[in-house]
Amino acid sequence: MSVPPEAPRRRIAVALDASEQSLRVVAIAAGIAALLEAELEGVFIEDAGMLGALGLPFQQEFRLDMRGEAAACPDRLARELRVQARRIEAASQALAAEHGCRWSFRVWRGDLEDEILGAACGAELFTLSRIGRFGPLWPRRAARRRWPNSGAARSRAQAAAPPRHEAARPAATEPLTVSLLFDGSGGAARSLAAAGELAVRGRAGVRVIVVGDDAEVVDRRRQQALALLRDSAEQVRFVTVFGDGPQALLDTLLGIGGDIFIIDAGNPLLGDGGLWRSLAALHCPMLVVR
C-alpha cells in the first residue's frame, strides 16, 4: 500500500538585516509560524543598490574607529554584512527553537525598493518591517510581546544564547492584535483568512477596515467578511473608511493601532513605491499574503 505524499508545509519568510528591530520582528514571525504550524525562513537582506553606490569613486566613508574619511570599500562592507548575517542567523535560530517552529536561513541580495517582495521566493506569507536604510529603532513595546506556548521575545544577547527546551507555558494574557483592509476582493479574502486563523489559534483580536464608496457597499462587504470569518467573527472589530485613498487608509491604520498589519501582495498600497510609504507611516510590521 502506497503512502500518500506529505502535504507541503506552509512557509513564512521574514526580511532581516543587521538592525536591532530585526530580532523583534523575527520573534513576532516565529510566534505566527508556531501558531500556524508553519516553517520560518529568515532572509537576510543585502541592499544591492547601496553596495553598488559604494563603488562609485566619489563616495567617502566616515568610521568612528578611524580618523578622517576614507574611500568607501564595498568589499569591506560585504564582509561586515556577512558577519552580521551570521549573528542574526544564530539569534533567529534560537528564537525559532524557543517558539518550537521549523527554521531555515539564507542571504538575499537585490534592489531593496523594487525587488523586495521577490525575496520571499514562493513563501505564502512574508513579514516585512522598516529595514536597511529605511529602518529606525523599533519601539521598545514590541520586545515585551508574549505568545501562546512560548516565552517572551528575547533581547539580542539572550537570543544568541543556546536554546532551552522548556515545557509549554500557559496562553498569553495579552493576545496579538492584527489589522487589515477588506474591499471584497479575492486578495482581501486571503488576508482575512490568515487573520481569522490567527484569531482562532492564538486568540488574536482582528480589526477589519472595510472600504467602500457608500454605506450600502460597506454593509455588503461587512457581511461578506463576517461570512468568511465564521468561528472567529466574535473576535473582530470593524472600522469603516469611505473611499480608497491611500492616505486615508494609512491614517485609519495609525488610528486603530495593532501589532501587525496583514495585506495581500496585490493590494494597490504596495504598488509604485507604496510599500515603503506604508512602512514609513506604520509603526508595526507588515505581513504580506500571496
C-alpha atoms as a PDB file:
ATOM      1  CA  MET A   1       0.000   0.000   0.000  1.00  0.00           C
ATOM      2  CA  SER A   2       1.492   3.305  -1.069  1.00  0.00           C
ATOM      3  CA  VAL A   3       1.854   6.106   1.442  1.00  0.00           C
ATOM      4  CA  PRO A   4       0.307   9.412   0.279  1.00  0.00           C
ATOM      5  CA  PRO A   5       2.842  12.222  -0.082  1.00  0.00           C
ATOM      6  CA  GLU A   6       3.045  14.670   2.806  1.00  0.00           C
ATOM      7  CA  ALA A   7       1.270  17.962   2.161  1.00  0.00           C
ATOM      8  CA  PRO A   8       3.685  20.858   1.598  1.00  0.00           C
ATOM      9  CA  ARG A   9       4.363  22.774   4.789  1.00  0.00           C
ATOM     10  CA  ARG A  10       3.300  26.400   4.947  1.00  0.00           C
ATOM     11  CA  ARG A  11       6.259  28.769   4.943  1.00  0.00           C
ATOM     12  CA  ILE A  12       6.618  32.256   6.438  1.00  0.00           C
ATOM     13  CA  ALA A  13       9.590  34.296   5.239  1.00  0.00           C
ATOM     14  CA  VAL A  14      10.796  37.269   7.273  1.00  0.00           C
ATOM     15  CA  ALA A  15      13.058  40.006   5.910  1.00  0.00           C
ATOM     16  CA  LEU A  16      16.003  40.735   8.220  1.00  0.00           C
ATOM     17  CA  ASP A  17      19.015  42.990   8.377  1.00  0.00           C
ATOM     18  CA  ALA A  18      21.669  43.803  10.979  1.00  0.00           C
ATOM     19  CA  SER A  19      19.451  46.197  12.957  1.00  0.00           C
ATOM     20  CA  GLU A  20      18.008  45.584  16.404  1.00  0.00           C
ATOM     21  CA  GLN A  21      14.401  45.680  15.212  1.00  0.00           C
ATOM     22  CA  SER A  22      15.024  42.621  13.020  1.00  0.00           C
ATOM     23  CA  LEU A  23      15.287  40.439  16.126  1.00  0.00           C
ATOM     24  CA  ARG A  24      11.998  41.778  17.424  1.00  0.00           C
ATOM     25  CA  VAL A  25      10.302  41.192  14.071  1.00  0.00           C
ATOM     26  CA  VAL A  26      11.638  37.635  13.788  1.00  0.00           C
ATOM     27  CA  ALA A  27      10.211  36.971  17.264  1.00  0.00           C
ATOM     28  CA  ILE A  28       6.783  38.096  16.004  1.00  0.00           C
ATOM     29  CA  ALA A  29       7.171  35.981  12.853  1.00  0.00           C
ATOM     30  CA  ALA A  30       8.265  32.953  14.900  1.00  0.00           C
ATOM     31  CA  GLY A  31       5.186  33.312  17.071  1.00  0.00           C
ATOM     32  CA  ILE A  32       2.958  33.416  14.000  1.00  0.00           C
ATOM     33  CA  ALA A  33       4.771  30.422  12.460  1.00  0.00           C
ATOM     34  CA  ALA A  34       4.233  28.429  15.654  1.00  0.00           C
ATOM     35  CA  LEU A  35       0.526  29.286  15.749  1.00  0.00           C
ATOM     36  CA  LEU A  36       0.042  28.358  12.077  1.00  0.00           C
ATOM     37  CA  GLU A  37       2.327  25.278  12.260  1.00  0.00           C
ATOM     38  CA  ALA A  38       4.470  26.795   9.523  1.00  0.00           C
ATOM     39  CA  GLU A  39       8.180  26.803   8.738  1.00  0.00           C
ATOM     40  CA  LEU A  40      10.011  30.053   9.446  1.00  0.00           C
ATOM     41  CA  GLU A  41      12.553  31.257   6.895  1.00  0.00           C
ATOM     42  CA  GLY A  42      14.892  34.107   7.789  1.00  0.00           C
ATOM     43  CA  VAL A  43      16.000  36.118   4.749  1.00  0.00           C
ATOM     44  CA  PHE A  44      18.955  38.401   5.460  1.00  0.00           C
ATOM     45  CA  ILE A  45      18.775  41.336   3.036  1.00  0.00           C
ATOM     46  CA  GLU A  46      21.839  42.800   1.335  1.00  0.00           C
ATOM     47  CA  ASP A  47      20.818  46.009  -0.431  1.00  0.00           C
ATOM     48  CA  ALA A  48      22.362  45.759  -3.898  1.00  0.00           C
ATOM     49  CA  GLY A  49      21.675  49.440  -4.560  1.00  0.00           C
ATOM     50  CA  MET A  50      23.651  50.530  -1.509  1.00  0.00           C
ATOM     51  CA  LEU A  51      26.560  48.201  -2.288  1.00  0.00           C
ATOM     52  CA  GLY A  52      26.637  49.442  -5.869  1.00  0.00           C
ATOM     53  CA  ALA A  53      26.629  53.082  -4.797  1.00  0.00           C
ATOM     54  CA  LEU A  54      29.641  52.487  -2.541  1.00  0.00           C
ATOM     55  CA  GLY A  55      31.661  51.514  -5.588  1.00  0.00           C
ATOM     56  CA  LEU A  56      31.398  54.987  -7.113  1.00  0.00           C
ATOM     57  CA  PRO A  57      34.741  56.859  -6.990  1.00  0.00           C
ATOM     58  CA  PHE A  58      33.408  59.971  -5.224  1.00  0.00           C
ATOM     59  CA  GLN A  59      31.942  58.055  -2.248  1.00  0.00           C
ATOM     60  CA  GLN A  60      33.648  58.606   1.121  1.00  0.00           C
ATOM     61  CA  GLU A  61      33.220  56.646   4.330  1.00  0.00           C
ATOM     62  CA  PHE A  62      33.362  58.015   7.865  1.00  0.00           C
ATOM     63  CA  ARG A  63      34.017  55.468  10.609  1.00  0.00           C
ATOM     64  CA  LEU A  64      34.064  56.092  14.348  1.00  0.00           C
ATOM     65  CA  ASP A  65      37.156  53.894  14.756  1.00  0.00           C
ATOM     66  CA  MET A  66      39.188  55.839  12.181  1.00  0.00           C
ATOM     67  CA  ARG A  67      40.484  59.377  11.904  1.00  0.00           C
ATOM     68  CA  GLY A  68      39.119  61.316   8.971  1.00  0.00           C
ATOM     69  CA  GLU A  69      37.400  59.847   5.940  1.00  0.00           C
ATOM     70  CA  ALA A  70      38.461  57.078   3.581  1.00  0.00           C
ATOM     71  CA  ALA A  71      37.270  55.892   0.218  1.00  0.00           C
ATOM     72  CA  ALA A  72      34.228  53.673   0.639  1.00  0.00           C
ATOM     73  CA  CYS A  73      35.087  49.980   0.275  1.00  0.00           C
ATOM     74  CA  PRO A  74      32.290  47.707  -0.996  1.00  0.00           C
ATOM     75  CA  ASP A  75      34.314  44.557  -0.263  1.00  0.00           C
ATOM     76  CA  ARG A  76      34.795  45.528   3.370  1.00  0.00           C
ATOM     77  CA  LEU A  77      31.099  46.290   3.745  1.00  0.00           C
ATOM     78  CA  ALA A  78      30.218  42.937   2.170  1.00  0.00           C
ATOM     79  CA  ARG A  79      32.473  41.161   4.688  1.00  0.00           C
ATOM     80  CA  GLU A  80      30.900  43.064   7.564  1.00  0.00           C
ATOM     81  CA  LEU A  81      27.423  42.199   6.301  1.00  0.00           C
ATOM     82  CA  ARG A  82      28.356  38.503   6.265  1.00  0.00           C
ATOM     83  CA  VAL A  83      29.477  38.750   9.897  1.00  0.00           C
ATOM     84  CA  GLN A  84      26.193  40.447  10.804  1.00  0.00           C
ATOM     85  CA  ALA A  85      24.254  37.819   8.841  1.00  0.00           C
ATOM     86  CA  ARG A  86      25.845  35.049  10.939  1.00  0.00           C
ATOM     87  CA  ARG A  87      24.927  36.903  14.126  1.00  0.00           C
ATOM     88  CA  ILE A  88      21.310  37.353  13.028  1.00  0.00           C
ATOM     89  CA  GLU A  89      21.197  33.718  11.872  1.00  0.00           C
ATOM     90  CA  ALA A  90      22.259  32.455  15.316  1.00  0.00           C
ATOM     91  CA  ALA A  91      19.760  34.707  17.062  1.00  0.00           C
ATOM     92  CA  SER A  92      16.953  33.706  14.680  1.00  0.00           C
ATOM     93  CA  GLN A  93      17.688  30.027  15.213  1.00  0.00           C
ATOM     94  CA  ALA A  94      17.421  30.486  18.980  1.00  0.00           C
ATOM     95  CA  LEU A  95      14.108  32.337  18.658  1.00  0.00           C
ATOM     96  CA  ALA A  96      12.691  29.672  16.327  1.00  0.00           C
ATOM     97  CA  ALA A  97      13.729  26.960  18.811  1.00  0.00           C
ATOM     98  CA  GLU A  98      12.108  28.893  21.639  1.00  0.00           C
ATOM     99  CA  HIS A  99       8.826  29.112  19.759  1.00  0.00           C
ATOM    100  CA  GLY A 100       9.037  25.498  18.574  1.00  0.00           C
ATOM    101  CA  CYS A 101       8.877  26.034  14.802  1.00  0.00           C
ATOM    102  CA  ARG A 102      10.969  24.694  11.929  1.00  0.00           C
ATOM    103  CA  TRP A 103      13.529  27.149  10.681  1.00  0.00           C
ATOM    104  CA  SER A 104      15.857  27.963   7.767  1.00  0.00           C
ATOM    105  CA  PHE A 105      18.025  30.923   6.794  1.00  0.00           C
ATOM    106  CA  ARG A 106      19.512  32.412   3.637  1.00  0.00           C
ATOM    107  CA  VAL A 107      21.012  35.630   2.307  1.00  0.00           C
ATOM    108  CA  TRP A 108      19.310  37.573  -0.495  1.00  0.00           C
ATOM    109  CA  ARG A 109      20.898  40.412  -2.457  1.00  0.00           C
ATOM    110  CA  GLY A 110      18.715  42.628  -4.609  1.00  0.00           C
ATOM    111  CA  ASP A 111      17.197  46.051  -5.062  1.00  0.00           C
ATOM    112  CA  LEU A 112      15.541  46.888  -1.761  1.00  0.00           C
ATOM    113  CA  GLU A 113      12.849  49.130  -3.231  1.00  0.00           C
ATOM    114  CA  ASP A 114      11.948  47.341  -6.455  1.00  0.00           C
ATOM    115  CA  GLU A 115      12.526  43.639  -5.747  1.00  0.00           C
ATOM    116  CA  ILE A 116      11.979  43.133  -2.036  1.00  0.00           C
ATOM    117  CA  LEU A 117       8.798  41.062  -2.421  1.00  0.00           C
ATOM    118  CA  GLY A 118      10.767  38.670  -4.650  1.00  0.00           C
ATOM    119  CA  ALA A 119      12.937  37.772  -1.660  1.00  0.00           C
ATOM    120  CA  ALA A 120      10.129  35.603  -0.310  1.00  0.00           C
ATOM    121  CA  CYS A 121      10.699  33.086  -3.130  1.00  0.00           C
ATOM    122  CA  GLY A 122       7.273  31.496  -3.054  1.00  0.00           C
ATOM    123  CA  ALA A 123       6.574  31.773   0.676  1.00  0.00           C
ATOM    124  CA  GLU A 124       2.872  32.090   1.399  1.00  0.00           C
ATOM    125  CA  LEU A 125       3.452  34.815   3.982  1.00  0.00           C
ATOM    126  CA  PHE A 126       6.223  37.416   4.028  1.00  0.00           C
ATOM    127  CA  THR A 127       6.890  39.526   7.114  1.00  0.00           C
ATOM    128  CA  LEU A 128       8.469  42.892   6.441  1.00  0.00           C
ATOM    129  CA  SER A 129       9.420  45.857   8.591  1.00  0.00           C
ATOM    130  CA  ARG A 130      11.377  49.033   8.009  1.00  0.00           C
ATOM    131  CA  ILE A 131      14.793  47.551   7.234  1.00  0.00           C
ATOM    132  CA  GLY A 132      18.043  48.684   5.672  1.00  0.00           C
ATOM    133  CA  ARG A 133      18.350  52.380   5.063  1.00  0.00           C
ATOM    134  CA  PHE A 134      14.643  52.715   5.881  1.00  0.00           C
ATOM    135  CA  GLY A 135      14.945  51.186   9.354  1.00  0.00           C
ATOM    136  CA  PRO A 136      14.732  53.293  12.532  1.00  0.00           C
ATOM    137  CA  LEU A 137      14.957  51.857  16.021  1.00  0.00           C
ATOM    138  CA  TRP A 138      11.967  49.624  16.701  1.00  0.00           C
ATOM    139  CA  PRO A 139       9.563  50.630  19.504  1.00  0.00           C
ATOM    140  CA  ARG A 140      10.548  49.045  22.811  1.00  0.00           C
ATOM    141  CA  ARG A 141       6.962  47.897  23.386  1.00  0.00           C
ATOM    142  CA  ALA A 142       7.340  45.194  20.728  1.00  0.00           C
ATOM    143  CA  ALA A 143      10.019  43.396  22.741  1.00  0.00           C
ATOM    144  CA  ARG A 144       7.535  42.614  25.500  1.00  0.00           C
ATOM    145  CA  ARG A 145       5.095  40.693  23.299  1.00  0.00           C
ATOM    146  CA  ARG A 146       4.241  37.220  24.593  1.00  0.00           C
ATOM    147  CA  TRP A 147       2.839  34.327  22.587  1.00  0.00           C
ATOM    148  CA  PRO A 148       0.855  31.231  23.497  1.00  0.00           C
ATOM    149  CA  ASN A 149       3.149  28.307  24.408  1.00  0.00           C
ATOM    150  CA  SER A 150       6.302  30.388  24.216  1.00  0.00           C
ATOM    151  CA  GLY A 151       8.436  32.702  26.277  1.00  0.00           C
ATOM    152  CA  ALA A 152       8.766  36.444  25.811  1.00  0.00           C
ATOM    153  CA  ALA A 153      10.777  37.748  22.889  1.00  0.00           C
ATOM    154  CA  ARG A 154      14.412  37.795  23.977  1.00  0.00           C
ATOM    155  CA  SER A 155      16.865  40.625  23.689  1.00  0.00           C
ATOM    156  CA  ARG A 156      19.797  40.303  21.293  1.00  0.00           C
ATOM    157  CA  ALA A 157      22.148  38.888  23.933  1.00  0.00           C
ATOM    158  CA  GLN A 158      19.558  36.437  25.180  1.00  0.00           C
ATOM    159  CA  ALA A 159      18.552  35.329  21.701  1.00  0.00           C
ATOM    160  CA  ALA A 160      22.134  34.417  20.806  1.00  0.00           C
ATOM    161  CA  ALA A 161      22.367  32.029  23.772  1.00  0.00           C
ATOM    162  CA  PRO A 162      21.825  28.274  23.239  1.00  0.00           C
ATOM    163  CA  PRO A 163      18.097  27.428  23.067  1.00  0.00           C
ATOM    164  CA  ARG A 164      16.427  25.967  26.123  1.00  0.00           C
ATOM    165  CA  HIS A 165      13.847  23.206  25.900  1.00  0.00           C
ATOM    166  CA  GLU A 166      11.087  24.267  28.260  1.00  0.00           C
ATOM    167  CA  ALA A 167       7.640  22.911  28.911  1.00  0.00           C
ATOM    168  CA  ALA A 168       4.779  24.664  27.183  1.00  0.00           C
ATOM    169  CA  ARG A 169       3.611  27.729  29.073  1.00  0.00           C
ATOM    170  CA  PRO A 170       0.025  28.902  29.562  1.00  0.00           C
ATOM    171  CA  ALA A 171      -1.537  31.024  26.852  1.00  0.00           C
ATOM    172  CA  ALA A 172      -0.627  34.693  26.961  1.00  0.00           C
ATOM    173  CA  THR A 173      -2.856  37.138  28.780  1.00  0.00           C
ATOM    174  CA  GLU A 174      -2.142  39.767  26.119  1.00  0.00           C
ATOM    175  CA  PRO A 175      -3.288  38.446  22.712  1.00  0.00           C
ATOM    176  CA  LEU A 176      -1.976  39.597  19.374  1.00  0.00           C
ATOM    177  CA  THR A 177      -3.866  42.351  17.538  1.00  0.00           C
ATOM    178  CA  VAL A 178      -3.886  42.273  13.744  1.00  0.00           C
ATOM    179  CA  SER A 179      -5.307  44.842  11.319  1.00  0.00           C
ATOM    180  CA  LEU A 180      -6.215  44.502   7.659  1.00  0.00           C
ATOM    181  CA  LEU A 181      -8.088  46.158   4.818  1.00  0.00           C
ATOM    182  CA  PHE A 182     -11.139  44.471   3.302  1.00  0.00           C
ATOM    183  CA  ASP A 183     -12.570  45.636  -0.032  1.00  0.00           C
ATOM    184  CA  GLY A 184     -14.308  42.435  -1.089  1.00  0.00           C
ATOM    185  CA  SER A 185     -11.535  41.327  -3.463  1.00  0.00           C
ATOM    186  CA  GLY A 186     -10.012  37.857  -3.595  1.00  0.00           C
ATOM    187  CA  GLY A 187      -6.751  39.182  -2.201  1.00  0.00           C
ATOM    188  CA  ALA A 188      -8.545  40.783   0.731  1.00  0.00           C
ATOM    189  CA  ALA A 189     -10.313  37.469   1.382  1.00  0.00           C
ATOM    190  CA  ARG A 190      -6.902  35.738   1.597  1.00  0.00           C
ATOM    191  CA  SER A 191      -5.715  38.334   4.109  1.00  0.00           C
ATOM    192  CA  LEU A 192      -8.921  37.882   6.100  1.00  0.00           C
ATOM    193  CA  ALA A 193      -8.461  34.099   6.120  1.00  0.00           C
ATOM    194  CA  ALA A 194      -4.950  34.493   7.561  1.00  0.00           C
ATOM    195  CA  ALA A 195      -6.224  36.888  10.233  1.00  0.00           C
ATOM    196  CA  GLY A 196      -9.102  34.564  11.093  1.00  0.00           C
ATOM    197  CA  GLU A 197      -6.730  31.626  11.507  1.00  0.00           C
ATOM    198  CA  LEU A 198      -4.566  33.655  13.882  1.00  0.00           C
ATOM    199  CA  ALA A 199      -7.698  34.650  15.794  1.00  0.00           C
ATOM    200  CA  VAL A 200      -8.805  31.037  16.257  1.00  0.00           C
ATOM    201  CA  ARG A 201      -5.389  29.574  17.076  1.00  0.00           C
ATOM    202  CA  GLY A 202      -3.850  32.428  19.040  1.00  0.00           C
ATOM    203  CA  ARG A 203      -6.818  34.316  20.481  1.00  0.00           C
ATOM    204  CA  ALA A 204      -5.807  37.267  18.337  1.00  0.00           C
ATOM    205  CA  GLY A 205      -8.033  40.298  18.054  1.00  0.00           C
ATOM    206  CA  VAL A 206      -8.816  41.310  14.472  1.00  0.00           C
ATOM    207  CA  ARG A 207      -9.529  44.841  13.297  1.00  0.00           C
ATOM    208  CA  VAL A 208     -11.017  44.893   9.808  1.00  0.00           C
ATOM    209  CA  ILE A 209     -11.064  48.171   7.912  1.00  0.00           C
ATOM    210  CA  VAL A 210     -13.977  47.877   5.489  1.00  0.00           C
ATOM    211  CA  VAL A 211     -13.503  50.080   2.437  1.00  0.00           C
ATOM    212  CA  GLY A 212     -16.377  51.257   0.226  1.00  0.00           C
ATOM    213  CA  ASP A 213     -17.807  54.213  -1.653  1.00  0.00           C
ATOM    214  CA  ASP A 214     -21.089  54.336   0.257  1.00  0.00           C
ATOM    215  CA  ALA A 215     -22.922  52.804   3.229  1.00  0.00           C
ATOM    216  CA  GLU A 216     -24.608  50.115   1.124  1.00  0.00           C
ATOM    217  CA  VAL A 217     -21.306  48.821  -0.268  1.00  0.00           C
ATOM    218  CA  VAL A 218     -19.679  48.921   3.162  1.00  0.00           C
ATOM    219  CA  ASP A 219     -22.532  46.951   4.752  1.00  0.00           C
ATOM    220  CA  ARG A 220     -22.422  44.322   1.992  1.00  0.00           C
ATOM    221  CA  ARG A 221     -18.673  43.878   2.408  1.00  0.00           C
ATOM    222  CA  ARG A 222     -19.012  43.707   6.178  1.00  0.00           C
ATOM    223  CA  GLN A 223     -21.500  40.844   5.843  1.00  0.00           C
ATOM    224  CA  GLN A 224     -19.143  39.164   3.362  1.00  0.00           C
ATOM    225  CA  ALA A 225     -16.275  39.457   5.839  1.00  0.00           C
ATOM    226  CA  LEU A 226     -18.379  38.022   8.677  1.00  0.00           C
ATOM    227  CA  ALA A 227     -19.321  35.044   6.497  1.00  0.00           C
ATOM    228  CA  LEU A 228     -15.651  34.391   5.704  1.00  0.00           C
ATOM    229  CA  LEU A 229     -14.544  34.700   9.332  1.00  0.00           C
ATOM    230  CA  ARG A 230     -17.106  32.207  10.705  1.00  0.00           C
ATOM    231  CA  ASP A 231     -15.887  30.948  14.101  1.00  0.00           C
ATOM    232  CA  SER A 232     -13.568  33.922  14.655  1.00  0.00           C
ATOM    233  CA  ALA A 233     -16.203  36.590  13.945  1.00  0.00           C
ATOM    234  CA  GLU A 234     -16.701  37.373  17.648  1.00  0.00           C
ATOM    235  CA  GLN A 235     -13.050  38.487  17.905  1.00  0.00           C
ATOM    236  CA  VAL A 236     -13.423  41.065  15.123  1.00  0.00           C
ATOM    237  CA  ARG A 237     -13.971  44.795  15.323  1.00  0.00           C
ATOM    238  CA  PHE A 238     -14.958  46.654  12.153  1.00  0.00           C
ATOM    239  CA  VAL A 239     -13.843  50.120  11.123  1.00  0.00           C
ATOM    240  CA  THR A 240     -15.355  51.901   8.100  1.00  0.00           C
ATOM    241  CA  VAL A 241     -13.485  54.001   5.551  1.00  0.00           C
ATOM    242  CA  PHE A 242     -15.386  55.588   2.654  1.00  0.00           C
ATOM    243  CA  GLY A 243     -13.225  55.764  -0.460  1.00  0.00           C
ATOM    244  CA  ASP A 244      -9.890  54.077  -1.016  1.00  0.00           C
ATOM    245  CA  GLY A 245      -7.367  56.906  -0.947  1.00  0.00           C
ATOM    246  CA  PRO A 246      -4.022  55.619   0.381  1.00  0.00           C
ATOM    247  CA  GLN A 247      -3.538  58.440   2.863  1.00  0.00           C
ATOM    248  CA  ALA A 248      -6.993  57.951   4.388  1.00  0.00           C
ATOM    249  CA  LEU A 249      -6.322  54.235   4.758  1.00  0.00           C
ATOM    250  CA  LEU A 250      -2.937  54.795   6.386  1.00  0.00           C
ATOM    251  CA  ASP A 251      -4.390  57.414   8.734  1.00  0.00           C
ATOM    252  CA  THR A 252      -7.059  54.918   9.778  1.00  0.00           C
ATOM    253  CA  LEU A 253      -4.466  52.212  10.390  1.00  0.00           C
ATOM    254  CA  LEU A 254      -2.458  54.598  12.551  1.00  0.00           C
ATOM    255  CA  GLY A 255      -5.586  55.488  14.491  1.00  0.00           C
ATOM    256  CA  ILE A 256      -6.561  51.912  15.380  1.00  0.00           C
ATOM    257  CA  GLY A 257      -3.017  50.657  16.001  1.00  0.00           C
ATOM    258  CA  GLY A 258      -2.171  46.962  16.226  1.00  0.00           C
ATOM    259  CA  ASP A 259       0.788  44.588  16.410  1.00  0.00           C
ATOM    260  CA  ILE A 260       0.883  43.577  12.749  1.00  0.00           C
ATOM    261  CA  PHE A 261      -0.811  44.698   9.534  1.00  0.00           C
ATOM    262  CA  ILE A 262      -1.885  41.963   7.083  1.00  0.00           C
ATOM    263  CA  ILE A 263      -2.120  42.860   3.404  1.00  0.00           C
ATOM    264  CA  ASP A 264      -2.443  40.979   0.122  1.00  0.00           C
ATOM    265  CA  ALA A 265       0.527  41.131  -2.265  1.00  0.00           C
ATOM    266  CA  GLY A 266      -1.695  42.586  -4.990  1.00  0.00           C
ATOM    267  CA  ASN A 267      -3.046  45.465  -2.912  1.00  0.00           C
ATOM    268  CA  PRO A 268      -2.561  48.892  -4.567  1.00  0.00           C
ATOM    269  CA  LEU A 269      -0.925  50.179  -1.373  1.00  0.00           C
ATOM    270  CA  LEU A 270       2.145  48.105  -2.286  1.00  0.00           C
ATOM    271  CA  GLY A 271       2.496  49.384  -5.862  1.00  0.00           C
ATOM    272  CA  ASP A 272       4.551  52.294  -7.245  1.00  0.00           C
ATOM    273  CA  GLY A 273       6.655  52.756  -4.134  1.00  0.00           C
ATOM    274  CA  GLY A 274       3.627  52.446  -1.866  1.00  0.00           C
ATOM    275  CA  LEU A 275       5.237  49.605   0.087  1.00  0.00           C
ATOM    276  CA  TRP A 276       7.913  51.885   1.513  1.00  0.00           C
ATOM    277  CA  ARG A 277       5.488  54.754   2.081  1.00  0.00           C
ATOM    278  CA  SER A 278       3.235  52.383   4.002  1.00  0.00           C
ATOM    279  CA  LEU A 279       6.107  51.016   6.090  1.00  0.00           C
ATOM    280  CA  ALA A 280       7.315  54.543   6.809  1.00  0.00           C
ATOM    281  CA  ALA A 281       3.847  55.524   8.042  1.00  0.00           C
ATOM    282  CA  LEU A 282       3.087  52.415  10.113  1.00  0.00           C
ATOM    283  CA  HIS A 283       4.578  51.527  13.486  1.00  0.00           C
ATOM    284  CA  CYS A 284       4.200  47.762  13.111  1.00  0.00           C
ATOM    285  CA  PRO A 285       5.492  45.079  10.733  1.00  0.00           C
ATOM    286  CA  MET A 286       3.555  44.119   7.639  1.00  0.00           C
ATOM    287  CA  LEU A 287       2.547  40.541   6.826  1.00  0.00           C
ATOM    288  CA  VAL A 288       2.176  40.160   3.046  1.00  0.00           C
ATOM    289  CA  VAL A 289      -0.128  37.321   1.942  1.00  0.00           C
ATOM    290  CA  ARG A 290       0.387  35.765  -1.505  1.00  0.00           C
END
